[in-house]
């Protein structure tokens, strides 16, 4: 039973870490998306060709970073969800073991 409990704790801790990582990635994605939007606004209001080239490149990079971060965050959440299934199974195993131990204890009590 202790082994099942320990396993569930370890898996649950990993799932929590993945979710925290996904949240950080989502903040990165949001910041990059905001930067891209700002660059687009600046592009629309600027007539300086050199500045526009620079802004276009910065916007493109920010959009790529936003997309990459969002994809990584999504993958981290999917992995965390898979770990949640494992945690649920480990809890179920703990419960089954606990029930069997309780039944065995009752049988021992009856013989006393």
PDB file of N, CA and C in Angstrom:
ATOM      1  N   UNK A   1       0.826  -1.184   0.000  1.00  0.00           N
ATOM      2  CA  UNK A   1       0.000   0.000   0.000  1.00  0.00           C
ATOM      3  C   UNK A   1       0.875   1.254   0.000  1.00  0.00           C
ATOM      4  N   UNK A   2       1.948   1.211   0.777  1.00  0.00           N
ATOM      5  CA  UNK A   2       2.861   2.361   0.806  1.00  0.00           C
ATOM      6  C   UNK A   2       3.480   2.605  -0.565  1.00  0.00           C
ATOM      7  N   UNK A   3       3.777   1.509  -1.262  1.00  0.00           N
ATOM      8  CA  UNK A   3       4.368   1.640  -2.594  1.00  0.00           C
ATOM      9  C   UNK A   3       3.385   2.313  -3.561  1.00  0.00           C
ATOM     10  N   UNK A   4       2.129   1.920  -3.505  1.00  0.00           N
ATOM     11  CA  UNK A   4       1.108   2.532  -4.369  1.00  0.00           C
ATOM     12  C   UNK A   4       0.923   4.006  -4.017  1.00  0.00           C
ATOM     13  N   UNK A   5       0.931   4.314  -2.730  1.00  0.00           N
ATOM     14  CA  UNK A   5       0.792   5.705  -2.289  1.00  0.00           C
ATOM     15  C   UNK A   5       1.975   6.537  -2.766  1.00  0.00           C
ATOM     16  N   UNK A   6       3.177   5.995  -2.607  1.00  0.00           N
ATOM     17  CA  UNK A   6       4.392   6.701  -3.032  1.00  0.00           C
ATOM     18  C   UNK A   6       4.365   6.934  -4.539  1.00  0.00           C
ATOM     19  N   UNK A   7       3.944   5.925  -5.273  1.00  0.00           N
ATOM     20  CA  UNK A   7       3.855   6.052  -6.726  1.00  0.00           C
ATOM     21  C   UNK A   7       2.887   7.161  -7.115  1.00  0.00           C
ATOM     22  N   UNK A   8       1.736   7.199  -6.462  1.00  0.00           N
ATOM     23  CA  UNK A   8       0.744   8.233  -6.785  1.00  0.00           C
ATOM     24  C   UNK A   8       1.278   9.624  -6.445  1.00  0.00           C
ATOM     25  N   UNK A   9       2.002   9.744  -5.343  1.00  0.00           N
ATOM     26  CA  UNK A   9       2.581  11.040  -4.969  1.00  0.00           C
ATOM     27  C   UNK A   9       3.605  11.502  -6.001  1.00  0.00           C
ATOM     28  N   UNK A  10       4.465  10.576  -6.438  1.00  0.00           N
ATOM     29  CA  UNK A  10       5.495  10.921  -7.420  1.00  0.00           C
ATOM     30  C   UNK A  10       4.874  11.354  -8.751  1.00  0.00           C
ATOM     31  N   UNK A  11       3.892  10.597  -9.208  1.00  0.00           N
ATOM     32  CA  UNK A  11       3.241  10.918 -10.482  1.00  0.00           C
ATOM     33  C   UNK A  11       2.497  12.240 -10.370  1.00  0.00           C
ATOM     34  N   UNK A  12       1.804  12.433  -9.262  1.00  0.00           N
ATOM     35  CA  UNK A  12       1.053  13.672  -9.058  1.00  0.00           C
ATOM     36  C   UNK A  12       1.993  14.879  -9.025  1.00  0.00           C
ATOM     37  N   UNK A  13       3.138  14.745  -8.388  1.00  0.00           N
ATOM     38  CA  UNK A  13       4.123  15.831  -8.333  1.00  0.00           C
ATOM     39  C   UNK A  13       4.599  16.187  -9.741  1.00  0.00           C
ATOM     40  N   UNK A  14       4.847  15.178 -10.551  1.00  0.00           N
ATOM     41  CA  UNK A  14       5.284  15.416 -11.939  1.00  0.00           C
ATOM     42  C   UNK A  14       4.183  16.131 -12.732  1.00  0.00           C
ATOM     43  N   UNK A  15       2.941  15.728 -12.533  1.00  0.00           N
ATOM     44  CA  UNK A  15       1.818  16.378 -13.226  1.00  0.00           C
ATOM     45  C   UNK A  15       1.713  17.848 -12.821  1.00  0.00           C
ATOM     46  N   UNK A  16       1.899  18.123 -11.543  1.00  0.00           N
ATOM     47  CA  UNK A  16       1.856  19.509 -11.054  1.00  0.00           C
ATOM     48  C   UNK A  16       2.974  20.330 -11.695  1.00  0.00           C
ATOM     49  N   UNK A  17       4.175  19.760 -11.754  1.00  0.00           N
ATOM     50  CA  UNK A  17       5.301  20.461 -12.367  1.00  0.00           C
ATOM     51  C   UNK A  17       5.029  20.764 -13.837  1.00  0.00           C
ATOM     52  N   UNK A  18       4.439  19.799 -14.541  1.00  0.00           N
ATOM     53  CA  UNK A  18       4.126  20.015 -15.953  1.00  0.00           C
ATOM     54  C   UNK A  18       3.098  21.127 -16.129  1.00  0.00           C
ATOM     55  N   UNK A  19       2.108  21.163 -15.251  1.00  0.00           N
ATOM     56  CA  UNK A  19       1.093  22.218 -15.349  1.00  0.00           C
ATOM     57  C   UNK A  19       1.712  23.596 -15.077  1.00  0.00           C
ATOM     58  N   UNK A  20       2.603  23.667 -14.089  1.00  0.00           N
ATOM     59  CA  UNK A  20       3.271  24.938 -13.804  1.00  0.00           C
ATOM     60  C   UNK A  20       4.133  25.371 -14.991  1.00  0.00           C
ATOM     61  N   UNK A  21       4.805  24.413 -15.598  1.00  0.00           N
ATOM     62  CA  UNK A  21       5.622  24.704 -16.781  1.00  0.00           C
ATOM     63  C   UNK A  21       4.728  25.206 -17.920  1.00  0.00           C
ATOM     64  N   UNK A  22       3.580  24.575 -18.096  1.00  0.00           N
ATOM     65  CA  UNK A  22       2.641  24.987 -19.144  1.00  0.00           C
ATOM     66  C   UNK A  22       2.146  26.410 -18.905  1.00  0.00           C
ATOM     67  N   UNK A  23       1.899  26.751 -17.657  1.00  0.00           N
ATOM     68  CA  UNK A  23       1.449  28.111 -17.332  1.00  0.00           C
ATOM     69  C   UNK A  23       2.536  29.124 -17.683  1.00  0.00           C
ATOM     70  N   UNK A  24       3.792  28.812 -17.343  1.00  0.00           N
ATOM     71  CA  UNK A  24       4.894  29.722 -17.689  1.00  0.00           C
ATOM     72  C   UNK A  24       5.009  29.874 -19.210  1.00  0.00           C
ATOM     73  N   UNK A  25       4.863  28.757 -19.922  1.00  0.00           N
ATOM     74  CA  UNK A  25       4.921  28.813 -21.382  1.00  0.00           C
ATOM     75  C   UNK A  25       3.778  29.649 -21.952  1.00  0.00           C
ATOM     76  N   UNK A  26       2.609  29.540 -21.339  1.00  0.00           N
ATOM     77  CA  UNK A  26       1.469  30.318 -21.821  1.00  0.00           C
ATOM     78  C   UNK A  26       1.708  31.812 -21.615  1.00  0.00           C
ATOM     79  N   UNK A  27       2.338  32.182 -20.492  1.00  0.00           N
ATOM     80  CA  UNK A  27       2.691  33.591 -20.289  1.00  0.00           C
ATOM     81  C   UNK A  27       3.660  34.057 -21.377  1.00  0.00           C
ATOM     82  N   UNK A  28       4.623  33.215 -21.715  1.00  0.00           N
ATOM     83  CA  UNK A  28       5.564  33.546 -22.782  1.00  0.00           C
ATOM     84  C   UNK A  28       4.827  33.720 -24.104  1.00  0.00           C
ATOM     85  N   UNK A  29       3.905  32.810 -24.387  1.00  0.00           N
ATOM     86  CA  UNK A  29       3.126  32.894 -25.627  1.00  0.00           C
ATOM     87  C   UNK A  29       2.294  34.172 -25.662  1.00  0.00           C
ATOM     88  N   UNK A  30       1.670  34.500 -24.545  1.00  0.00           N
ATOM     89  CA  UNK A  30       0.852  35.722 -24.485  1.00  0.00           C
ATOM     90  C   UNK A  30       1.699  36.970 -24.703  1.00  0.00           C
ATOM     91  N   UNK A  31       2.867  37.009 -24.065  1.00  0.00           N
ATOM     92  CA  UNK A  31       3.759  38.166 -24.223  1.00  0.00           C
ATOM     93  C   UNK A  31       4.218  38.304 -25.669  1.00  0.00           C
ATOM     94  N   UNK A  32       4.566  37.180 -26.277  1.00  0.00           N
ATOM     95  CA  UNK A  32       5.014  37.220 -27.670  1.00  0.00           C
ATOM     96  C   UNK A  32       3.883  37.661 -28.594  1.00  0.00           C
ATOM     97  N   UNK A  33       2.680  37.200 -28.329  1.00  0.00           N
ATOM     98  CA  UNK A  33       1.530  37.605 -29.151  1.00  0.00           C
ATOM     99  C   UNK A  33       1.268  39.102 -29.010  1.00  0.00           C
ATOM    100  N   UNK A  34       1.396  39.614 -27.789  1.00  0.00           N
ATOM    101  CA  UNK A  34       1.218  41.055 -27.572  1.00  0.00           C
ATOM    102  C   UNK A  34       2.301  41.851 -28.296  1.00  0.00           C
ATOM    103  N   UNK A  35       3.527  41.332 -28.273  1.00  0.00           N
ATOM    104  CA  UNK A  35       4.623  42.009 -28.971  1.00  0.00           C
ATOM    105  C   UNK A  35       4.353  42.026 -30.472  1.00  0.00           C
ATOM    106  N   UNK A  36       3.875  40.915 -31.008  1.00  0.00           N
ATOM    107  CA  UNK A  36       3.564  40.855 -32.439  1.00  0.00           C
ATOM    108  C   UNK A  36       2.462  41.851 -32.791  1.00  0.00           C
ATOM    109  N   UNK A  37       1.441  41.930 -31.960  1.00  0.00           N
ATOM    110  CA  UNK A  37       0.340  42.870 -32.210  1.00  0.00           C
ATOM    111  C   UNK A  37       0.836  44.315 -32.168  1.00  0.00           C
ATOM    112  N   UNK A  38       1.711  44.603 -31.217  1.00  0.00           N
ATOM    113  CA  UNK A  38       2.280  45.953 -31.119  1.00  0.00           C
ATOM    114  C   UNK A  38       3.113  46.278 -32.358  1.00  0.00           C
ATOM    115  N   UNK A  39       3.898  45.306 -32.814  1.00  0.00           N
ATOM    116  CA  UNK A  39       4.717  45.523 -34.009  1.00  0.00           C
ATOM    117  C   UNK A  39       3.834  45.781 -35.228  1.00  0.00           C
ATOM    118  N   UNK A  40       2.721  45.068 -35.328  1.00  0.00           N
ATOM    119  CA  UNK A  40       1.790  45.283 -36.443  1.00  0.00           C
ATOM    120  C   UNK A  40       1.207  46.692 -36.382  1.00  0.00           C
ATOM    121  N   UNK A  41       0.824  47.128 -35.187  1.00  0.00           N
ATOM    122  CA  UNK A  41       0.298  48.495 -35.032  1.00  0.00           C
ATOM    123  C   UNK A  41       1.337  49.530 -35.459  1.00  0.00           C
ATOM    124  N   UNK A  42       2.573  49.294 -35.051  1.00  0.00           N
ATOM    125  CA  UNK A  42       3.642  50.228 -35.412  1.00  0.00           C
ATOM    126  C   UNK A  42       3.875  50.214 -36.922  1.00  0.00           C
ATOM    127  N   UNK A  43       3.796  49.032 -37.531  1.00  0.00           N
ATOM    128  CA  UNK A  43       3.957  48.923 -38.981  1.00  0.00           C
ATOM    129  C   UNK A  43       2.904  49.737 -39.714  1.00  0.00           C
ATOM    130  N   UNK A  44       1.692  49.653 -39.229  1.00  0.00           N
ATOM    131  CA  UNK A  44       0.581  50.334 -39.886  1.00  0.00           C
ATOM    132  C   UNK A  44       0.705  51.857 -39.786  1.00  0.00           C
ATOM    133  N   UNK A  45       1.382  52.322 -38.763  1.00  0.00           N
ATOM    134  CA  UNK A  45       1.479  53.775 -38.569  1.00  0.00           C
ATOM    135  C   UNK A  45       2.809  54.359 -39.033  1.00  0.00           C
ATOM    136  N   UNK A  46       3.718  53.511 -39.493  1.00  0.00           N
ATOM    137  CA  UNK A  46       5.049  53.993 -39.875  1.00  0.00           C
ATOM    138  C   UNK A  46       5.204  54.018 -41.399  1.00  0.00           C
ATOM    139  N   UNK A  47       5.936  55.010 -41.858  1.00  0.00           N
ATOM    140  CA  UNK A  47       6.241  55.087 -43.294  1.00  0.00           C
ATOM    141  C   UNK A  47       7.739  54.892 -43.547  1.00  0.00           C
ATOM    142  N   UNK A  48       8.493  54.635 -42.493  1.00  0.00           N
ATOM    143  CA  UNK A  48       9.937  54.419 -42.596  1.00  0.00           C
ATOM    144  C   UNK A  48      10.185  52.981 -43.064  1.00  0.00           C
ATOM    145  N   UNK A  49      10.705  52.830 -44.283  1.00  0.00           N
ATOM    146  CA  UNK A  49      10.895  51.514 -44.884  1.00  0.00           C
ATOM    147  C   UNK A  49      11.839  50.630 -44.067  1.00  0.00           C
ATOM    148  N   UNK A  50      12.938  51.180 -43.597  1.00  0.00           N
ATOM    149  CA  UNK A  50      13.896  50.386 -42.809  1.00  0.00           C
ATOM    150  C   UNK A  50      13.277  49.940 -41.485  1.00  0.00           C
ATOM    151  N   UNK A  51      12.559  50.854 -40.875  1.00  0.00           N
ATOM    152  CA  UNK A  51      11.902  50.510 -39.614  1.00  0.00           C
ATOM    153  C   UNK A  51      10.839  49.440 -39.857  1.00  0.00           C
ATOM    154  N   UNK A  52      10.123  49.552 -40.966  1.00  0.00           N
ATOM    155  CA  UNK A  52       9.088  48.571 -41.277  1.00  0.00           C
ATOM    156  C   UNK A  52       9.669  47.176 -41.490  1.00  0.00           C
ATOM    157  N   UNK A  53      10.832  47.101 -42.138  1.00  0.00           N
ATOM    158  CA  UNK A  53      11.490  45.799 -42.327  1.00  0.00           C
ATOM    159  C   UNK A  53      11.853  45.193 -40.974  1.00  0.00           C
ATOM    160  N   UNK A  54      12.399  46.034 -40.117  1.00  0.00           N
ATOM    161  CA  UNK A  54      12.781  45.574 -38.781  1.00  0.00           C
ATOM    162  C   UNK A  54      11.555  45.135 -37.981  1.00  0.00           C
ATOM    163  N   UNK A  55      10.490  45.920 -38.069  1.00  0.00           N
ATOM    164  CA  UNK A  55       9.257  45.580 -37.349  1.00  0.00           C
ATOM    165  C   UNK A  55       8.622  44.301 -37.894  1.00  0.00           C
ATOM    166  N   UNK A  56       8.688  44.136 -39.208  1.00  0.00           N
ATOM    167  CA  UNK A  56       8.144  42.920 -39.821  1.00  0.00           C
ATOM    168  C   UNK A  56       8.887  41.693 -39.306  1.00  0.00           C
ATOM    169  N   UNK A  57      10.208  41.784 -39.259  1.00  0.00           N
ATOM    170  CA  UNK A  57      11.013  40.666 -38.756  1.00  0.00           C
ATOM    171  C   UNK A  57      10.709  40.397 -37.283  1.00  0.00           C
ATOM    172  N   UNK A  58      10.628  41.461 -36.488  1.00  0.00           N
ATOM    173  CA  UNK A  58      10.329  41.295 -35.061  1.00  0.00           C
ATOM    174  C   UNK A  58       8.949  40.682 -34.872  1.00  0.00           C
ATOM    175  N   UNK A  59       8.004  41.114 -35.676  1.00  0.00           N
ATOM    176  CA  UNK A  59       6.644  40.577 -35.585  1.00  0.00           C
ATOM    177  C   UNK A  59       6.624  39.101 -35.954  1.00  0.00           C
ATOM    178  N   UNK A  60       7.331  38.757 -37.021  1.00  0.00           N
ATOM    179  CA  UNK A  60       7.399  37.359 -37.464  1.00  0.00           C
ATOM    180  C   UNK A  60       8.005  36.477 -36.368  1.00  0.00           C
ATOM    181  N   UNK A  61       9.090  36.946 -35.761  1.00  0.00           N
ATOM    182  CA  UNK A  61       9.738  36.181 -34.694  1.00  0.00           C
ATOM    183  C   UNK A  61       8.826  36.046 -33.477  1.00  0.00           C
ATOM    184  N   UNK A  62       8.123  37.112 -33.142  1.00  0.00           N
ATOM    185  CA  UNK A  62       7.214  37.066 -31.989  1.00  0.00           C
ATOM    186  C   UNK A  62       6.059  36.101 -32.244  1.00  0.00           C
ATOM    187  N   UNK A  63       5.533  36.118 -33.459  1.00  0.00           N
ATOM    188  CA  UNK A  63       4.445  35.192 -33.797  1.00  0.00           C
ATOM    189  C   UNK A  63       4.936  33.751 -33.706  1.00  0.00           C
ATOM    190  N   UNK A  64       6.143  33.491 -34.212  1.00  0.00           N
ATOM    191  CA  UNK A  64       6.706  32.138 -34.139  1.00  0.00           C
ATOM    192  C   UNK A  64       6.903  31.720 -32.684  1.00  0.00           C
ATOM    193  N   UNK A  65       7.428  32.631 -31.869  1.00  0.00           N
ATOM    194  CA  UNK A  65       7.637  32.312 -30.458  1.00  0.00           C
ATOM    195  C   UNK A  65       6.305  32.038 -29.766  1.00  0.00           C
ATOM    196  N   UNK A  66       5.297  32.826 -30.078  1.00  0.00           N
ATOM    197  CA  UNK A  66       3.976  32.617 -29.472  1.00  0.00           C
ATOM    198  C   UNK A  66       3.426  31.248 -29.851  1.00  0.00           C
ATOM    199  N   UNK A  67       3.539  30.907 -31.125  1.00  0.00           N
ATOM    200  CA  UNK A  67       3.031  29.609 -31.585  1.00  0.00           C
ATOM    201  C   UNK A  67       3.814  28.458 -30.958  1.00  0.00           C
ATOM    202  N   UNK A  68       5.137  28.580 -30.922  1.00  0.00           N
ATOM    203  CA  UNK A  68       5.968  27.525 -30.329  1.00  0.00           C
ATOM    204  C   UNK A  68       5.661  27.341 -28.847  1.00  0.00           C
ATOM    205  N   UNK A  69       5.551  28.447 -28.125  1.00  0.00           N
ATOM    206  CA  UNK A  69       5.265  28.368 -26.686  1.00  0.00           C
ATOM    207  C   UNK A  69       3.887  27.780 -26.428  1.00  0.00           C
ATOM    208  N   UNK A  70       2.912  28.173 -27.229  1.00  0.00           N
ATOM    209  CA  UNK A  70       1.556  27.634 -27.059  1.00  0.00           C
ATOM    210  C   UNK A  70       1.534  26.135 -27.335  1.00  0.00           C
ATOM    211  N   UNK A  71       2.275  25.697 -28.356  1.00  0.00           N
ATOM    212  CA  UNK A  71       2.329  24.262 -28.662  1.00  0.00           C
ATOM    213  C   UNK A  71       3.003  23.487 -27.530  1.00  0.00           C
ATOM    214  N   UNK A  72       4.103  24.024 -27.007  1.00  0.00           N
ATOM    215  CA  UNK A  72       4.792  23.360 -25.896  1.00  0.00           C
ATOM    216  C   UNK A  72       3.900  23.307 -24.661  1.00  0.00           C
ATOM    217  N   UNK A  73       3.175  24.383 -24.399  1.00  0.00           N
ATOM    218  CA  UNK A  73       2.254  24.402 -23.257  1.00  0.00           C
ATOM    219  C   UNK A  73       1.168  23.353 -23.435  1.00  0.00           C
ATOM    220  N   UNK A  74       0.646  23.258 -24.634  1.00  0.00           N
ATOM    221  CA  UNK A  74      -0.390  22.266 -24.929  1.00  0.00           C
ATOM    222  C   UNK A  74       0.138  20.848 -24.713  1.00  0.00           C
ATOM    223  N   UNK A  75       1.348  20.587 -25.184  1.00  0.00           N
ATOM    224  CA  UNK A  75       1.945  19.259 -25.003  1.00  0.00           C
ATOM    225  C   UNK A  75       2.184  18.948 -23.530  1.00  0.00           C
ATOM    226  N   UNK A  76       2.611  19.955 -22.767  1.00  0.00           N
ATOM    227  CA  UNK A  76       2.829  19.746 -21.332  1.00  0.00           C
ATOM    228  C   UNK A  76       1.520  19.408 -20.629  1.00  0.00           C
ATOM    229  N   UNK A  77       0.430  20.079 -21.010  1.00  0.00           N
ATOM    230  CA  UNK A  77      -0.874  19.790 -20.409  1.00  0.00           C
ATOM    231  C   UNK A  77      -1.339  18.392 -20.794  1.00  0.00           C
ATOM    232  N   UNK A  78      -1.136  18.004 -22.053  1.00  0.00           N
ATOM    233  CA  UNK A  78      -1.516  16.651 -22.478  1.00  0.00           C
ATOM    234  C   UNK A  78      -0.755  15.597 -21.671  1.00  0.00           C
ATOM    235  N   UNK A  79       0.537  15.840 -21.465  1.00  0.00           N
ATOM    236  CA  UNK A  79       1.340  14.898 -20.676  1.00  0.00           C
ATOM    237  C   UNK A  79       0.866  14.866 -19.222  1.00  0.00           C
ATOM    238  N   UNK A  80       0.545  16.043 -18.679  1.00  0.00           N
ATOM    239  CA  UNK A  80       0.029  16.101 -17.303  1.00  0.00           C
ATOM    240  C   UNK A  80      -1.295  15.350 -17.197  1.00  0.00           C
ATOM    241  N   UNK A  81      -2.136  15.476 -18.209  1.00  0.00           N
ATOM    242  CA  UNK A  81      -3.411  14.749 -18.196  1.00  0.00           C
ATOM    243  C   UNK A  81      -3.194  13.240 -18.210  1.00  0.00           C
ATOM    244  N   UNK A  82      -2.202  12.788 -18.982  1.00  0.00           N
ATOM    245  CA  UNK A  82      -1.870  11.360 -18.996  1.00  0.00           C
ATOM    246  C   UNK A  82      -1.393  10.912 -17.613  1.00  0.00           C
ATOM    247  N   UNK A  83      -0.606  11.764 -16.971  1.00  0.00           N
ATOM    248  CA  UNK A  83      -0.134  11.433 -15.623  1.00  0.00           C
ATOM    249  C   UNK A  83      -1.296  11.400 -14.635  1.00  0.00           C
ATOM    250  N   UNK A  84      -2.287  12.268 -14.836  1.00  0.00           N
ATOM    251  CA  UNK A  84      -3.470  12.244 -13.970  1.00  0.00           C
ATOM    252  C   UNK A  84      -4.178  10.895 -14.039  1.00  0.00           C
ATOM    253  N   UNK A  85      -4.216  10.307 -15.227  1.00  0.00           N
ATOM    254  CA  UNK A  85      -4.820   8.976 -15.371  1.00  0.00           C
ATOM    255  C   UNK A  85      -4.020   7.970 -14.540  1.00  0.00           C
ATOM    256  N   UNK A  86      -2.700   8.091 -14.586  1.00  0.00           N
ATOM    257  CA  UNK A  86      -1.853   7.186 -13.800  1.00  0.00           C
ATOM    258  C   UNK A  86      -2.054   7.407 -12.302  1.00  0.00           C
ATOM    259  N   UNK A  87      -2.194   8.671 -11.894  1.00  0.00           N
ATOM    260  CA  UNK A  87      -2.438   8.977 -10.480  1.00  0.00           C
ATOM    261  C   UNK A  87      -3.760   8.363 -10.041  1.00  0.00           C
ATOM    262  N   UNK A  88      -4.774   8.517 -10.876  1.00  0.00           N
ATOM    263  CA  UNK A  88      -6.086   7.947 -10.558  1.00  0.00           C
ATOM    264  C   UNK A  88      -5.979   6.437 -10.400  1.00  0.00           C
ATOM    265  N   UNK A  89      -5.230   5.788 -11.284  1.00  0.00           N
ATOM    266  CA  UNK A  89      -5.044   4.339 -11.193  1.00  0.00           C
ATOM    267  C   UNK A  89      -4.292   3.979  -9.914  1.00  0.00           C
ATOM    268  N   UNK A  90      -3.285   4.766  -9.571  1.00  0.00           N
ATOM    269  CA  UNK A  90      -2.532   4.494  -8.342  1.00  0.00           C
ATOM    270  C   UNK A  90      -3.428   4.647  -7.116  1.00  0.00           C
ATOM    271  N   UNK A  91      -4.288   5.679  -7.101  1.00  0.00           N
ATOM    272  CA  UNK A  91      -5.235   5.839  -5.990  1.00  0.00           C
ATOM    273  C   UNK A  91      -6.195   4.658  -5.925  1.00  0.00           C
ATOM    274  N   UNK A  92      -6.640   4.213  -7.083  1.00  0.00           N
ATOM    275  CA  UNK A  92      -7.535   3.055  -7.137  1.00  0.00           C
ATOM    276  C   UNK A  92      -6.832   1.822  -6.579  1.00  0.00           C
ATOM    277  N   UNK A  93      -5.567   1.650  -6.938  1.00  0.00           N
ATOM    278  CA  UNK A  93      -4.786   0.524  -6.408  1.00  0.00           C
ATOM    279  C   UNK A  93      -4.663   0.617  -4.890  1.00  0.00           C
ATOM    280  N   UNK A  94      -4.406   1.836  -4.379  1.00  0.00           N
ATOM    281  CA  UNK A  94      -4.331   2.033  -2.922  1.00  0.00           C
ATOM    282  C   UNK A  94      -5.645   1.629  -2.267  1.00  0.00           C
ATOM    283  N   UNK A  95      -6.736   2.051  -2.866  1.00  0.00           N
ATOM    284  CA  UNK A  95      -8.047   1.725  -2.321  1.00  0.00           C
ATOM    285  C   UNK A  95      -8.267   0.216  -2.301  1.00  0.00           C
ATOM    286  N   UNK A  96      -7.957  -0.454  -3.402  1.00  0.00           N
ATOM    287  CA  UNK A  96      -8.140  -1.905  -3.475  1.00  0.00           C
ATOM    288  C   UNK A  96      -7.273  -2.621  -2.445  1.00  0.00           C
ATOM    289  N   UNK A  97      -6.048  -2.168  -2.303  1.00  0.00           N
ATOM    290  CA  UNK A  97      -5.149  -2.774  -1.316  1.00  0.00           C
ATOM    291  C   UNK A  97      -5.674  -2.521   0.089  1.00  0.00           C
ATOM    292  N   UNK A  98      -6.161  -1.305   0.332  1.00  0.00           N
ATOM    293  CA  UNK A  98      -6.732  -0.984   1.643  1.00  0.00           C
ATOM    294  C   UNK A  98      -7.925  -1.858   1.976  1.00  0.00           C
ATOM    295  N   UNK A  99      -8.785  -2.079   1.000  1.00  0.00           N
ATOM    296  CA  UNK A  99      -9.956  -2.945   1.206  1.00  0.00           C
ATOM    297  C   UNK A  99      -9.502  -4.360   1.535  1.00  0.00           C
ATOM    298  N   UNK A 100      -8.528  -4.874   0.798  1.00  0.00           N
ATOM    299  CA  UNK A 100      -8.024  -6.234   1.050  1.00  0.00           C
ATOM    300  C   UNK A 100      -7.379  -6.334   2.431  1.00  0.00           C
ATOM    301  N   UNK A 101      -6.628  -5.292   2.811  1.00  0.00           N
ATOM    302  CA  UNK A 101      -6.013  -5.301   4.142  1.00  0.00           C
ATOM    303  C   UNK A 101      -7.075  -5.276   5.235  1.00  0.00           C
ATOM    304  N   UNK A 102      -8.114  -4.482   5.036  1.00  0.00           N
ATOM    305  CA  UNK A 102      -9.201  -4.418   6.021  1.00  0.00           C
ATOM    306  C   UNK A 102      -9.907  -5.764   6.128  1.00  0.00           C
ATOM    307  N   UNK A 103     -10.137  -6.416   4.988  1.00  0.00           N
ATOM    308  CA  UNK A 103     -10.773  -7.737   5.000  1.00  0.00           C
ATOM    309  C   UNK A 103      -9.891  -8.752   5.723  1.00  0.00           C
ATOM    310  N   UNK A 104      -8.595  -8.699   5.442  1.00  0.00           N
ATOM    311  CA  UNK A 104      -7.671  -9.625   6.099  1.00  0.00           C
ATOM    312  C   UNK A 104      -7.640  -9.378   7.599  1.00  0.00           C
ATOM    313  N   UNK A 105      -7.677  -8.114   8.000  1.00  0.00           N
ATOM    314  CA  UNK A 105      -7.688  -7.773   9.420  1.00  0.00           C
ATOM    315  C   UNK A 105      -8.953  -8.298  10.091  1.00  0.00           C
ATOM    316  N   UNK A 106     -10.084  -8.183   9.407  1.00  0.00           N
ATOM    317  CA  UNK A 106     -11.346  -8.711   9.950  1.00  0.00           C
ATOM    318  C   UNK A 106     -11.257 -10.220  10.144  1.00  0.00           C
ATOM    319  N   UNK A 107     -10.666 -10.917   9.177  1.00  0.00           N
ATOM    320  CA  UNK A 107     -10.519 -12.371   9.286  1.00  0.00           C
ATOM    321  C   UNK A 107      -9.615 -12.741  10.458  1.00  0.00           C
ATOM    322  N   UNK A 108      -8.543 -11.971  10.622  1.00  0.00           N
ATOM    323  CA  UNK A 108      -7.634 -12.230  11.748  1.00  0.00           C
ATOM    324  C   UNK A 108      -8.360 -11.985  13.060  1.00  0.00           C
ATOM    325  N   UNK A 109      -9.147 -10.913  13.119  1.00  0.00           N
ATOM    326  CA  UNK A 109      -9.907 -10.594  14.335  1.00  0.00           C
ATOM    327  C   UNK A 109     -10.870 -11.716  14.701  1.00  0.00           C
ATOM    328  N   UNK A 110     -11.482 -12.312  13.694  1.00  0.00           N
ATOM    329  CA  UNK A 110     -12.442 -13.392  13.939  1.00  0.00           C
ATOM    330  C   UNK A 110     -11.774 -14.623  14.544  1.00  0.00           C
ATOM    331  N   UNK A 111     -10.501 -14.809  14.273  1.00  0.00           N
ATOM    332  CA  UNK A 111      -9.796 -15.978  14.813  1.00  0.00           C
ATOM    333  C   UNK A 111      -9.262 -15.734  16.215  1.00  0.00           C
ATOM    334  N   UNK A 112      -9.321 -14.502  16.668  1.00  0.00           N
ATOM    335  CA  UNK A 112      -8.791 -14.196  18.007  1.00  0.00           C
ATOM    336  C   UNK A 112      -9.778 -14.504  19.091  1.00  0.00           C
TER     337      UNK A 112
END
